[in-house]
Amino acid sequence: MWYNSPYMQEKQDNGCDEERKRVRFYGAVTVSDRGQIVVPAEARRDLGIEVGEKLLAVSGPGGWLIFIPASILGEMLAQWADVARLLTDSSILDNKMAVEEMDETES
């Protein structure tokens, strides 16, 4: 899943879809004594992050930290819901049951 900022959407519309697929390093940030960081200007521009926009801070195993624009949370959840619907599609369930029946008859 990729956040399609206005800047990146313009690049895609101009045939630069490969730009969206790259992992991009924007530089190092320093945490201030007040716990603040500055998101590099180029990253803000590329991702369409505006002044005052809320970012969700998410950590994972291994100590990594990512920021996700809160404005795309609804879009992400909708995409996940689509995947869940696909996984629970009756044809998929029917195929799974058919495979399980085949396994039982082979035993």
Foldseek 3Di string as FASTA:
>chain_A
DFQCAPLNVVCVVVVNVVVRVDDDDPDDWDQDPVRDTDDDPVVCVNRVPDPPFDWDWDADPPGDIDTHGPVCPVVVVVVVVVVVCVCPPVVNVVVVVVVVVVVVVVD
